Amino acid sequence: MKTVKLTIDGKVAEVSAELTVLQAARSVGIDIPALCYDETLEIFGACRMCVVEIEGSKKLQTSCSTLVKDGMIVKTETEKTINARRDVLQLLLDSHPNDCLTCQKAGECLLQKYAYKYDVAFRKHDGAVRPQLMDTSSPYILKDNSKCILCGKCVLACSQVSDRRVLAFAERGYDTRIIFGADESIEESPCVSCNRCVAVCPVGALVDKREYNKVRSWESQKKVVSCKACEYGCEFEVHSVKRKGISLVAKAPANGRPLCLKGRLATELKYVDEPEPPYRKVDGKFIKTTWDKALGITELLEKIEKLDKNPVEGGDTE
């Protein structure tokens, strides 16, 4: 494997020639801000938050898509890069609803984190703002278009599973938005409620509806658990308060893990003390159902009940 040496903020890094500047920086403990980058997804380069100065280049370069070169000298926090990031953040906040105090994503939102870091605030203006277009049709996903920053992570995460690819970009320019299916509601679309999109959304545009308004990020204790429904072992985070399981949210679908509704519900039933009723989609409509039907174990339970009524002679009867 060919390696190169470069200098990032005065630190010398010797890394694979196949890495990007952003990846090289993180390998030596330098965190370059990014809203659209995810190491498990394709490079999209949409947010422009990760721009850096590279010696010899007149323009700022996106570190998420620029490959390292031997002898490269990179500066990540210059006046020029900071001003560029502030401009990006200001434009995003100008189109964003000022509801951080009540947003479910507060405390975990990357937009909130970077606005605080670079001292960028909401301001009054007479310009356009993103329309709300709230979609509440799903019992599993809540979509708020007004909070979307068009990072593309939800579209890319959904497209990684070949038989899904439900999300896409629609319209152009300032009217660009994320749609489900053929611009349908989540309920009407082919969405299977796996929550891959929710797991990668960096803001409050897509949130887990079964956790909505139940607990704030900083109020709960968190424990990562693995789903046992299949060999993938998808990871979820259990949010608890005073040892009571309040909610369950999907972790990012890394390492090929697909995430699925059945596995999520099975894990939720196991770890959440008072889970909400499950739903399943029938003919394009969500209907409330029983846990055995949601998990596909009705026949198994019936057989177990039948066998328990006729126990094996000499077996355990307690």
C-alpha atoms as a PDB file:
ATOM      1  CA  MET A   1       0.000   0.000   0.000  1.00  0.00           C
ATOM      2  CA  LYS A   2       1.458   3.327  -1.079  1.00  0.00           C
ATOM      3  CA  THR A   3       1.703   5.936   1.666  1.00  0.00           C
ATOM      4  CA  VAL A   4       2.285   9.669   1.588  1.00  0.00           C
ATOM      5  CA  LYS A   5       3.382  12.242   4.130  1.00  0.00           C
ATOM      6  CA  LEU A   6       1.549  15.500   4.563  1.00  0.00           C
ATOM      7  CA  THR A   7       1.297  18.208   7.177  1.00  0.00           C
ATOM      8  CA  ILE A   8      -2.084  19.185   8.651  1.00  0.00           C
ATOM      9  CA  ASP A   9      -2.162  22.119  11.061  1.00  0.00           C
ATOM     10  CA  GLY A  10       1.493  21.483  11.856  1.00  0.00           C
ATOM     11  CA  LYS A  11       1.015  17.751  12.456  1.00  0.00           C
ATOM     12  CA  VAL A  12       2.800  15.298  10.184  1.00  0.00           C
ATOM     13  CA  ALA A  13       0.586  12.472   8.989  1.00  0.00           C
ATOM     14  CA  GLU A  14       1.752   9.383   7.121  1.00  0.00           C
ATOM     15  CA  VAL A  15      -1.311   7.808   5.572  1.00  0.00           C
ATOM     16  CA  SER A  16      -2.515   5.725   2.655  1.00  0.00           C
ATOM     17  CA  ALA A  17      -2.471   7.582  -0.658  1.00  0.00           C
ATOM     18  CA  GLU A  18      -6.106   6.524  -1.098  1.00  0.00           C
ATOM     19  CA  LEU A  19      -7.361   8.658   1.799  1.00  0.00           C
ATOM     20  CA  THR A  20      -8.938  12.076   1.534  1.00  0.00           C
ATOM     21  CA  VAL A  21      -7.640  15.088   3.436  1.00  0.00           C
ATOM     22  CA  LEU A  22     -10.567  14.867   5.848  1.00  0.00           C
ATOM     23  CA  GLN A  23      -9.827  11.206   6.611  1.00  0.00           C
ATOM     24  CA  ALA A  24      -6.126  11.937   7.061  1.00  0.00           C
ATOM     25  CA  ALA A  25      -6.915  14.795   9.433  1.00  0.00           C
ATOM     26  CA  ARG A  26      -9.139  12.609  11.576  1.00  0.00           C
ATOM     27  CA  SER A  27      -6.421   9.950  11.718  1.00  0.00           C
ATOM     28  CA  VAL A  28      -4.197  12.435  13.605  1.00  0.00           C
ATOM     29  CA  GLY A  29      -6.969  13.761  15.851  1.00  0.00           C
ATOM     30  CA  ILE A  30      -7.998  16.813  13.836  1.00  0.00           C
ATOM     31  CA  ASP A  31     -11.760  17.027  13.369  1.00  0.00           C
ATOM     32  CA  ILE A  32     -12.748  18.982  10.279  1.00  0.00           C
ATOM     33  CA  PRO A  33     -16.451  19.961  10.457  1.00  0.00           C
ATOM     34  CA  ALA A  34     -18.744  18.348   7.901  1.00  0.00           C
ATOM     35  CA  LEU A  35     -22.512  18.058   7.551  1.00  0.00           C
ATOM     36  CA  CYS A  36     -22.788  15.770   4.522  1.00  0.00           C
ATOM     37  CA  TYR A  37     -19.786  13.472   5.074  1.00  0.00           C
ATOM     38  CA  ASP A  38     -20.207   9.941   6.392  1.00  0.00           C
ATOM     39  CA  GLU A  39     -17.443   7.384   6.129  1.00  0.00           C
ATOM     40  CA  THR A  40     -19.949   4.682   5.191  1.00  0.00           C
ATOM     41  CA  LEU A  41     -21.523   6.669   2.337  1.00  0.00           C
ATOM     42  CA  GLU A  42     -20.426   7.900  -1.080  1.00  0.00           C
ATOM     43  CA  ILE A  43     -18.690  11.272  -1.191  1.00  0.00           C
ATOM     44  CA  PHE A  44     -21.326  13.893  -1.956  1.00  0.00           C
ATOM     45  CA  GLY A  45     -19.532  17.180  -1.243  1.00  0.00           C
ATOM     46  CA  ALA A  46     -22.711  19.203  -0.822  1.00  0.00           C
ATOM     47  CA  CYS A  47     -22.361  21.158   2.420  1.00  0.00           C
ATOM     48  CA  ARG A  48     -18.972  22.901   1.848  1.00  0.00           C
ATOM     49  CA  MET A  49     -18.349  22.940   5.593  1.00  0.00           C
ATOM     50  CA  CYS A  50     -15.175  20.887   5.295  1.00  0.00           C
ATOM     51  CA  VAL A  51     -13.237  23.385   3.170  1.00  0.00           C
ATOM     52  CA  VAL A  52      -9.526  23.769   3.947  1.00  0.00           C
ATOM     53  CA  GLU A  53      -6.577  25.771   2.663  1.00  0.00           C
ATOM     54  CA  ILE A  54      -3.960  23.776   0.779  1.00  0.00           C
ATOM     55  CA  GLU A  55      -0.626  25.431   0.116  1.00  0.00           C
ATOM     56  CA  GLY A  56      -0.274  26.214  -3.594  1.00  0.00           C
ATOM     57  CA  SER A  57      -4.029  26.334  -4.267  1.00  0.00           C
ATOM     58  CA  LYS A  58      -5.760  29.681  -4.690  1.00  0.00           C
ATOM     59  CA  LYS A  59      -9.189  28.278  -3.858  1.00  0.00           C
ATOM     60  CA  LEU A  60     -10.468  26.535  -0.752  1.00  0.00           C
ATOM     61  CA  GLN A  61     -10.773  22.785  -1.294  1.00  0.00           C
ATOM     62  CA  THR A  62     -13.373  20.380   0.091  1.00  0.00           C
ATOM     63  CA  SER A  63     -11.388  18.046   2.311  1.00  0.00           C
ATOM     64  CA  CYS A  64     -13.955  15.234   2.011  1.00  0.00           C
ATOM     65  CA  SER A  65     -13.275  14.836  -1.724  1.00  0.00           C
ATOM     66  CA  THR A  66      -9.635  15.908  -2.077  1.00  0.00           C
ATOM     67  CA  LEU A  67      -7.123  13.053  -2.063  1.00  0.00           C
ATOM     68  CA  VAL A  68      -3.911  13.440  -0.092  1.00  0.00           C
ATOM     69  CA  LYS A  69      -0.607  14.046  -1.862  1.00  0.00           C
ATOM     70  CA  ASP A  70       2.956  13.680  -0.714  1.00  0.00           C
ATOM     71  CA  GLY A  71       4.284  16.930   0.763  1.00  0.00           C
ATOM     72  CA  MET A  72       0.837  18.532   0.950  1.00  0.00           C
ATOM     73  CA  ILE A  73       0.484  21.280   3.561  1.00  0.00           C
ATOM     74  CA  VAL A  74      -3.046  21.744   4.861  1.00  0.00           C
ATOM     75  CA  LYS A  75      -4.522  24.351   7.186  1.00  0.00           C
ATOM     76  CA  THR A  76      -8.001  23.678   8.523  1.00  0.00           C
ATOM     77  CA  GLU A  77      -8.809  26.631  10.790  1.00  0.00           C
ATOM     78  CA  THR A  78      -7.596  29.775   9.050  1.00  0.00           C
ATOM     79  CA  GLU A  79      -9.501  33.035   8.881  1.00  0.00           C
ATOM     80  CA  LYS A  80     -10.477  32.199   5.310  1.00  0.00           C
ATOM     81  CA  THR A  81     -11.895  28.749   6.132  1.00  0.00           C
ATOM     82  CA  ILE A  82     -13.686  29.998   9.243  1.00  0.00           C
ATOM     83  CA  ASN A  83     -15.355  32.814   7.309  1.00  0.00           C
ATOM     84  CA  ALA A  84     -16.420  30.369   4.583  1.00  0.00           C
ATOM     85  CA  ARG A  85     -17.970  28.058   7.168  1.00  0.00           C
ATOM     86  CA  ARG A  86     -19.745  30.937   8.840  1.00  0.00           C
ATOM     87  CA  ASP A  87     -21.237  31.959   5.499  1.00  0.00           C
ATOM     88  CA  VAL A  88     -22.520  28.407   4.920  1.00  0.00           C
ATOM     89  CA  LEU A  89     -23.994  28.208   8.408  1.00  0.00           C
ATOM     90  CA  GLN A  90     -25.647  31.602   8.116  1.00  0.00           C
ATOM     91  CA  LEU A  91     -27.346  30.643   4.862  1.00  0.00           C
ATOM     92  CA  LEU A  92     -28.587  27.408   6.429  1.00  0.00           C
ATOM     93  CA  LEU A  93     -29.916  29.164   9.532  1.00  0.00           C
ATOM     94  CA  ASP A  94     -31.628  31.815   7.406  1.00  0.00           C
ATOM     95  CA  SER A  95     -33.749  29.019   5.887  1.00  0.00           C
ATOM     96  CA  HIS A  96     -34.154  27.053   9.113  1.00  0.00           C
ATOM     97  CA  PRO A  97     -36.937  27.306  11.717  1.00  0.00           C
ATOM     98  CA  ASN A  98     -35.798  28.846  14.984  1.00  0.00           C
ATOM     99  CA  ASP A  99     -37.098  26.067  17.232  1.00  0.00           C
ATOM    100  CA  CYS A 100     -33.933  24.573  18.680  1.00  0.00           C
ATOM    101  CA  LEU A 101     -35.435  24.747  22.175  1.00  0.00           C
ATOM    102  CA  THR A 102     -38.182  22.284  21.269  1.00  0.00           C
ATOM    103  CA  CYS A 103     -36.553  20.268  18.478  1.00  0.00           C
ATOM    104  CA  GLN A 104     -36.198  16.545  19.190  1.00  0.00           C
ATOM    105  CA  LYS A 105     -32.665  16.664  17.752  1.00  0.00           C
ATOM    106  CA  ALA A 106     -31.431  19.329  20.195  1.00  0.00           C
ATOM    107  CA  GLY A 107     -28.171  18.248  21.796  1.00  0.00           C
ATOM    108  CA  GLU A 108     -27.339  15.919  18.895  1.00  0.00           C
ATOM    109  CA  CYS A 109     -27.830  18.245  15.912  1.00  0.00           C
ATOM    110  CA  LEU A 110     -24.691  18.956  13.877  1.00  0.00           C
ATOM    111  CA  LEU A 111     -26.072  22.259  12.606  1.00  0.00           C
ATOM    112  CA  GLN A 112     -26.609  23.356  16.191  1.00  0.00           C
ATOM    113  CA  LYS A 113     -23.126  22.160  17.159  1.00  0.00           C
ATOM    114  CA  TYR A 114     -21.334  24.038  14.390  1.00  0.00           C
ATOM    115  CA  ALA A 115     -23.437  27.204  14.767  1.00  0.00           C
ATOM    116  CA  TYR A 116     -22.338  27.283  18.408  1.00  0.00           C
ATOM    117  CA  LYS A 117     -18.701  26.563  17.537  1.00  0.00           C
ATOM    118  CA  TYR A 118     -18.484  29.322  14.913  1.00  0.00           C
ATOM    119  CA  ASP A 119     -20.742  31.794  16.721  1.00  0.00           C
ATOM    120  CA  VAL A 120     -23.456  31.988  14.068  1.00  0.00           C
ATOM    121  CA  ALA A 121     -27.009  32.868  15.128  1.00  0.00           C
ATOM    122  CA  PHE A 122     -30.493  33.165  13.672  1.00  0.00           C
ATOM    123  CA  ARG A 123     -31.306  36.591  12.253  1.00  0.00           C
ATOM    124  CA  LYS A 124     -34.437  38.349  11.034  1.00  0.00           C
ATOM    125  CA  HIS A 125     -34.721  38.782   7.274  1.00  0.00           C
ATOM    126  CA  ASP A 126     -37.291  39.259   4.525  1.00  0.00           C
ATOM    127  CA  GLY A 127     -35.948  36.477   2.328  1.00  0.00           C
ATOM    128  CA  ALA A 128     -37.403  33.067   1.570  1.00  0.00           C
ATOM    129  CA  VAL A 129     -37.436  30.202   4.055  1.00  0.00           C
ATOM    130  CA  ARG A 130     -37.952  26.533   3.413  1.00  0.00           C
ATOM    131  CA  PRO A 131     -41.654  25.525   3.500  1.00  0.00           C
ATOM    132  CA  GLN A 132     -42.606  23.229   6.353  1.00  0.00           C
ATOM    133  CA  LEU A 133     -44.247  20.365   4.401  1.00  0.00           C
ATOM    134  CA  MET A 134     -44.517  18.187   7.514  1.00  0.00           C
ATOM    135  CA  ASP A 135     -45.195  14.501   6.867  1.00  0.00           C
ATOM    136  CA  THR A 136     -46.814  12.760   9.850  1.00  0.00           C
ATOM    137  CA  SER A 137     -48.287   9.839   7.901  1.00  0.00           C
ATOM    138  CA  SER A 138     -45.880   7.238   9.338  1.00  0.00           C
ATOM    139  CA  PRO A 139     -45.946   5.927  12.920  1.00  0.00           C
ATOM    140  CA  TYR A 140     -42.187   5.358  12.651  1.00  0.00           C
ATOM    141  CA  ILE A 141     -40.711   8.400  10.874  1.00  0.00           C
ATOM    142  CA  LEU A 142     -41.480  12.095  11.188  1.00  0.00           C
ATOM    143  CA  LYS A 143     -40.333  14.251   8.255  1.00  0.00           C
ATOM    144  CA  ASP A 144     -40.008  18.043   8.546  1.00  0.00           C
ATOM    145  CA  ASN A 145     -38.918  19.600   5.255  1.00  0.00           C
ATOM    146  CA  SER A 146     -38.276  23.003   6.861  1.00  0.00           C
ATOM    147  CA  LYS A 147     -35.311  21.569   8.765  1.00  0.00           C
ATOM    148  CA  CYS A 148     -33.730  19.745   5.837  1.00  0.00           C
ATOM    149  CA  ILE A 149     -30.259  21.017   4.827  1.00  0.00           C
ATOM    150  CA  LEU A 150     -30.087  18.865   1.645  1.00  0.00           C
ATOM    151  CA  CYS A 151     -26.954  17.047   2.779  1.00  0.00           C
ATOM    152  CA  GLY A 152     -28.083  13.984   0.797  1.00  0.00           C
ATOM    153  CA  LYS A 153     -27.143  11.461   3.486  1.00  0.00           C
ATOM    154  CA  CYS A 154     -30.655  10.016   3.719  1.00  0.00           C
ATOM    155  CA  VAL A 155     -30.815   9.485  -0.051  1.00  0.00           C
ATOM    156  CA  LEU A 156     -27.404   7.803  -0.126  1.00  0.00           C
ATOM    157  CA  ALA A 157     -28.126   5.600   2.899  1.00  0.00           C
ATOM    158  CA  CYS A 158     -31.419   4.417   1.433  1.00  0.00           C
ATOM    159  CA  SER A 159     -29.849   3.674  -1.969  1.00  0.00           C
ATOM    160  CA  GLN A 160     -27.244   1.371  -0.407  1.00  0.00           C
ATOM    161  CA  VAL A 161     -29.915  -1.339  -0.153  1.00  0.00           C
ATOM    162  CA  SER A 162     -30.710  -2.218  -3.764  1.00  0.00           C
ATOM    163  CA  ASP A 163     -34.337  -3.222  -3.245  1.00  0.00           C
ATOM    164  CA  ARG A 164     -35.207   0.006  -1.421  1.00  0.00           C
ATOM    165  CA  ARG A 165     -33.950   3.277  -2.970  1.00  0.00           C
ATOM    166  CA  VAL A 166     -37.086   5.083  -1.870  1.00  0.00           C
ATOM    167  CA  LEU A 167     -35.672   8.576  -1.245  1.00  0.00           C
ATOM    168  CA  ALA A 168     -34.598  11.015  -3.949  1.00  0.00           C
ATOM    169  CA  PHE A 169     -34.046  14.702  -4.718  1.00  0.00           C
ATOM    170  CA  ALA A 170     -36.847  16.611  -6.440  1.00  0.00           C
ATOM    171  CA  GLU A 171     -37.154  20.098  -7.959  1.00  0.00           C
ATOM    172  CA  ARG A 172     -34.195  22.461  -8.495  1.00  0.00           C
ATOM    173  CA  GLY A 173     -32.431  25.402  -6.923  1.00  0.00           C
ATOM    174  CA  TYR A 174     -34.006  26.741  -3.761  1.00  0.00           C
ATOM    175  CA  ASP A 175     -37.046  24.523  -4.316  1.00  0.00           C
ATOM    176  CA  THR A 176     -34.967  21.335  -4.066  1.00  0.00           C
ATOM    177  CA  ARG A 177     -36.338  18.891  -1.505  1.00  0.00           C
ATOM    178  CA  ILE A 178     -36.184  15.252  -0.484  1.00  0.00           C
ATOM    179  CA  ILE A 179     -39.110  13.078  -1.509  1.00  0.00           C
ATOM    180  CA  PHE A 180     -40.278   9.555  -0.677  1.00  0.00           C
ATOM    181  CA  GLY A 181     -41.207   7.390  -3.657  1.00  0.00           C
ATOM    182  CA  ALA A 182     -42.886   9.300  -6.486  1.00  0.00           C
ATOM    183  CA  ASP A 183     -43.354  12.378  -4.289  1.00  0.00           C
ATOM    184  CA  GLU A 184     -45.761  10.516  -2.013  1.00  0.00           C
ATOM    185  CA  SER A 185     -46.365  10.559   1.705  1.00  0.00           C
ATOM    186  CA  ILE A 186     -44.198   8.148   3.686  1.00  0.00           C
ATOM    187  CA  GLU A 187     -47.276   5.972   4.204  1.00  0.00           C
ATOM    188  CA  GLU A 188     -48.095   5.822   0.482  1.00  0.00           C
ATOM    189  CA  SER A 189     -44.491   5.331  -0.636  1.00  0.00           C
ATOM    190  CA  PRO A 190     -42.594   1.995  -0.814  1.00  0.00           C
ATOM    191  CA  CYS A 191     -40.763   2.938   2.420  1.00  0.00           C
ATOM    192  CA  VAL A 192     -40.276  -0.111   4.672  1.00  0.00           C
ATOM    193  CA  SER A 193     -39.683   1.950   7.852  1.00  0.00           C
ATOM    194  CA  CYS A 194     -36.154   0.634   8.376  1.00  0.00           C
ATOM    195  CA  ASN A 195     -35.080   4.084   9.688  1.00  0.00           C
ATOM    196  CA  ARG A 196     -31.763   4.128   7.816  1.00  0.00           C
ATOM    197  CA  CYS A 197     -32.565   7.701   6.772  1.00  0.00           C
ATOM    198  CA  VAL A 198     -33.332   8.723  10.346  1.00  0.00           C
ATOM    199  CA  ALA A 199     -30.090   7.206  11.623  1.00  0.00           C
ATOM    200  CA  VAL A 200     -27.907   9.344   9.332  1.00  0.00           C
ATOM    201  CA  CYS A 201     -29.853  12.633   9.323  1.00  0.00           C
ATOM    202  CA  PRO A 202     -27.620  15.261  11.010  1.00  0.00           C
ATOM    203  CA  VAL A 203     -30.509  17.601  11.876  1.00  0.00           C
ATOM    204  CA  GLY A 204     -34.174  17.317  12.866  1.00  0.00           C
ATOM    205  CA  ALA A 205     -35.543  16.821   9.348  1.00  0.00           C
ATOM    206  CA  LEU A 206     -36.037  13.079   9.881  1.00  0.00           C
ATOM    207  CA  VAL A 207     -36.611  11.830  13.414  1.00  0.00           C
ATOM    208  CA  ASP A 208     -37.785   8.623  15.045  1.00  0.00           C
ATOM    209  CA  LYS A 209     -41.470   9.193  15.716  1.00  0.00           C
ATOM    210  CA  ARG A 210     -41.621   6.531  18.439  1.00  0.00           C
ATOM    211  CA  GLU A 211     -39.118   8.560  20.463  1.00  0.00           C
ATOM    212  CA  TYR A 212     -40.602  11.963  19.654  1.00  0.00           C
ATOM    213  CA  ASN A 213     -41.294  14.101  22.747  1.00  0.00           C
ATOM    214  CA  LYS A 214     -40.465  11.253  25.132  1.00  0.00           C
ATOM    215  CA  VAL A 215     -36.973  12.150  26.300  1.00  0.00           C
ATOM    216  CA  ARG A 216     -34.255  14.679  25.481  1.00  0.00           C
ATOM    217  CA  SER A 217     -30.778  13.552  24.505  1.00  0.00           C
ATOM    218  CA  TRP A 218     -29.063  14.866  27.633  1.00  0.00           C
ATOM    219  CA  GLU A 219     -31.690  13.461  30.023  1.00  0.00           C
ATOM    220  CA  SER A 220     -31.265   9.783  29.204  1.00  0.00           C
ATOM    221  CA  GLN A 221     -28.707   7.098  29.806  1.00  0.00           C
ATOM    222  CA  LYS A 222     -27.693   5.360  26.586  1.00  0.00           C
ATOM    223  CA  LYS A 223     -26.725   1.763  25.960  1.00  0.00           C
ATOM    224  CA  VAL A 224     -25.874   0.195  22.612  1.00  0.00           C
ATOM    225  CA  VAL A 225     -27.460  -3.210  21.978  1.00  0.00           C
ATOM    226  CA  SER A 226     -27.402  -5.574  19.023  1.00  0.00           C
ATOM    227  CA  CYS A 227     -30.474  -6.958  17.307  1.00  0.00           C
ATOM    228  CA  LYS A 228     -30.772 -10.763  17.448  1.00  0.00           C
ATOM    229  CA  ALA A 229     -33.349 -11.150  14.676  1.00  0.00           C
ATOM    230  CA  CYS A 230     -30.735 -12.169  12.087  1.00  0.00           C
ATOM    231  CA  GLU A 231     -27.015 -12.577  11.536  1.00  0.00           C
ATOM    232  CA  TYR A 232     -26.420  -8.910  10.696  1.00  0.00           C
ATOM    233  CA  GLY A 233     -26.705  -7.832  14.328  1.00  0.00           C
ATOM    234  CA  CYS A 234     -27.793  -4.251  13.600  1.00  0.00           C
ATOM    235  CA  GLU A 235     -27.079  -1.877  16.459  1.00  0.00           C
ATOM    236  CA  PHE A 236     -29.616   0.198  18.370  1.00  0.00           C
ATOM    237  CA  GLU A 237     -29.353   2.642  21.225  1.00  0.00           C
ATOM    238  CA  VAL A 238     -31.610   2.185  24.243  1.00  0.00           C
ATOM    239  CA  HIS A 239     -32.499   5.449  25.977  1.00  0.00           C
ATOM    240  CA  SER A 240     -33.346   5.002  29.648  1.00  0.00           C
ATOM    241  CA  VAL A 241     -34.301   7.214  32.567  1.00  0.00           C
ATOM    242  CA  LYS A 242     -33.849   5.858  36.085  1.00  0.00           C
ATOM    243  CA  ARG A 243     -33.307   2.355  34.652  1.00  0.00           C
ATOM    244  CA  LYS A 244     -36.590   2.460  32.770  1.00  0.00           C
ATOM    245  CA  GLY A 245     -36.308   1.867  29.031  1.00  0.00           C
ATOM    246  CA  ILE A 246     -37.982   4.847  27.371  1.00  0.00           C
ATOM    247  CA  SER A 247     -37.161   4.474  23.687  1.00  0.00           C
ATOM    248  CA  LEU A 248     -35.011   2.749  21.108  1.00  0.00           C
ATOM    249  CA  VAL A 249     -33.330   4.389  18.108  1.00  0.00           C
ATOM    250  CA  ALA A 250     -31.331   2.889  15.262  1.00  0.00           C
ATOM    251  CA  LYS A 251     -27.595   3.460  15.088  1.00  0.00           C
ATOM    252  CA  ALA A 252     -26.004   4.281  11.732  1.00  0.00           C
ATOM    253  CA  PRO A 253     -26.255   1.252   9.396  1.00  0.00           C
ATOM    254  CA  ALA A 254     -22.497   0.647   9.127  1.00  0.00           C
ATOM    255  CA  ASN A 255     -20.625  -2.448   7.961  1.00  0.00           C
ATOM    256  CA  GLY A 256     -23.339  -3.604   5.577  1.00  0.00           C
ATOM    257  CA  ARG A 257     -26.058  -3.780   8.210  1.00  0.00           C
ATOM    258  CA  PRO A 258     -29.358  -3.134   6.434  1.00  0.00           C
ATOM    259  CA  LEU A 259     -31.664  -2.303   9.363  1.00  0.00           C
ATOM    260  CA  CYS A 260     -35.246  -3.533   9.214  1.00  0.00           C
ATOM    261  CA  LEU A 261     -38.542  -2.850  10.954  1.00  0.00           C
ATOM    262  CA  LYS A 262     -39.004  -6.400  12.225  1.00  0.00           C
ATOM    263  CA  GLY A 263     -35.617  -6.397  13.956  1.00  0.00           C
ATOM    264  CA  ARG A 264     -36.215  -2.955  15.368  1.00  0.00           C
ATOM    265  CA  LEU A 265     -39.598  -3.926  16.839  1.00  0.00           C
ATOM    266  CA  ALA A 266     -38.201  -7.138  18.338  1.00  0.00           C
ATOM    267  CA  THR A 267     -35.389  -5.180  19.990  1.00  0.00           C
ATOM    268  CA  GLU A 268     -37.779  -2.470  21.162  1.00  0.00           C
ATOM    269  CA  LEU A 269     -40.104  -5.043  22.727  1.00  0.00           C
ATOM    270  CA  LYS A 270     -37.160  -6.513  24.606  1.00  0.00           C
ATOM    271  CA  TYR A 271     -35.643  -3.309  25.983  1.00  0.00           C
ATOM    272  CA  VAL A 272     -38.400  -0.663  26.184  1.00  0.00           C
ATOM    273  CA  ASP A 273     -40.591  -0.976  29.274  1.00  0.00           C
ATOM    274  CA  GLU A 274     -43.768   0.499  27.792  1.00  0.00           C
ATOM    275  CA  PRO A 275     -43.469   0.295  23.995  1.00  0.00           C
ATOM    276  CA  GLU A 276     -46.103   1.889  21.790  1.00  0.00           C
ATOM    277  CA  PRO A 277     -48.325  -0.474  19.785  1.00  0.00           C
ATOM    278  CA  PRO A 278     -46.719  -1.725  16.564  1.00  0.00           C
ATOM    279  CA  TYR A 279     -48.001  -0.943  13.085  1.00  0.00           C
ATOM    280  CA  ARG A 280     -47.697  -2.715   9.767  1.00  0.00           C
ATOM    281  CA  LYS A 281     -48.424  -1.508   6.274  1.00  0.00           C
ATOM    282  CA  VAL A 282     -51.311  -3.155   4.452  1.00  0.00           C
ATOM    283  CA  ASP A 283     -52.232  -1.964   0.933  1.00  0.00           C
ATOM    284  CA  GLY A 284     -50.317   1.277   1.406  1.00  0.00           C
ATOM    285  CA  LYS A 285     -51.885   2.078   4.785  1.00  0.00           C
ATOM    286  CA  PHE A 286     -50.467   1.738   8.287  1.00  0.00           C
ATOM    287  CA  ILE A 287     -52.722  -0.225  10.610  1.00  0.00           C
ATOM    288  CA  LYS A 288     -52.277  -0.914  14.304  1.00  0.00           C
ATOM    289  CA  THR A 289     -51.523  -4.569  14.889  1.00  0.00           C
ATOM    290  CA  THR A 290     -50.538  -7.049  17.572  1.00  0.00           C
ATOM    291  CA  TRP A 291     -46.955  -7.809  18.483  1.00  0.00           C
ATOM    292  CA  ASP A 292     -47.131 -11.401  17.296  1.00  0.00           C
ATOM    293  CA  LYS A 293     -48.360 -10.291  13.836  1.00  0.00           C
ATOM    294  CA  ALA A 294     -45.804  -7.490  13.645  1.00  0.00           C
ATOM    295  CA  LEU A 295     -42.995  -9.926  14.420  1.00  0.00           C
ATOM    296  CA  GLY A 296     -44.409 -12.717  12.266  1.00  0.00           C
ATOM    297  CA  ILE A 297     -44.558 -15.225  15.099  1.00  0.00           C
ATOM    298  CA  THR A 298     -48.314 -15.914  15.328  1.00  0.00           C
ATOM    299  CA  GLU A 299     -48.016 -19.486  14.075  1.00  0.00           C
ATOM    300  CA  LEU A 300     -45.065 -20.161  16.379  1.00  0.00           C
ATOM    301  CA  LEU A 301     -46.971 -18.935  19.422  1.00  0.00           C
ATOM    302  CA  GLU A 302     -49.990 -21.043  18.483  1.00  0.00           C
ATOM    303  CA  LYS A 303     -47.801 -24.118  18.172  1.00  0.00           C
ATOM    304  CA  ILE A 304     -46.013 -23.391  21.446  1.00  0.00           C
ATOM    305  CA  GLU A 305     -49.367 -23.011  23.190  1.00  0.00           C
ATOM    306  CA  LYS A 306     -50.539 -26.307  21.683  1.00  0.00           C
ATOM    307  CA  LEU A 307     -47.368 -28.111  22.743  1.00  0.00           C
ATOM    308  CA  ASP A 308     -47.520 -26.640  26.253  1.00  0.00           C
ATOM    309  CA  LYS A 309     -51.018 -28.097  26.658  1.00  0.00           C
ATOM    310  CA  ASN A 310     -49.598 -31.517  25.908  1.00  0.00           C
ATOM    311  CA  PRO A 311     -46.226 -31.560  27.709  1.00  0.00           C
ATOM    312  CA  VAL A 312     -43.764 -34.367  27.159  1.00  0.00           C
ATOM    313  CA  GLU A 313     -44.102 -37.036  29.839  1.00  0.00           C
ATOM    314  CA  GLY A 314     -41.452 -36.595  32.480  1.00  0.00           C
ATOM    315  CA  GLY A 315     -40.640 -33.075  31.237  1.00  0.00           C
ATOM    316  CA  ASP A 316     -40.491 -29.753  33.086  1.00  0.00           C
ATOM    317  CA  THR A 317     -44.014 -28.863  34.320  1.00  0.00           C
ATOM    318  CA  GLU A 318     -43.093 -25.870  36.525  1.00  0.00           C
END
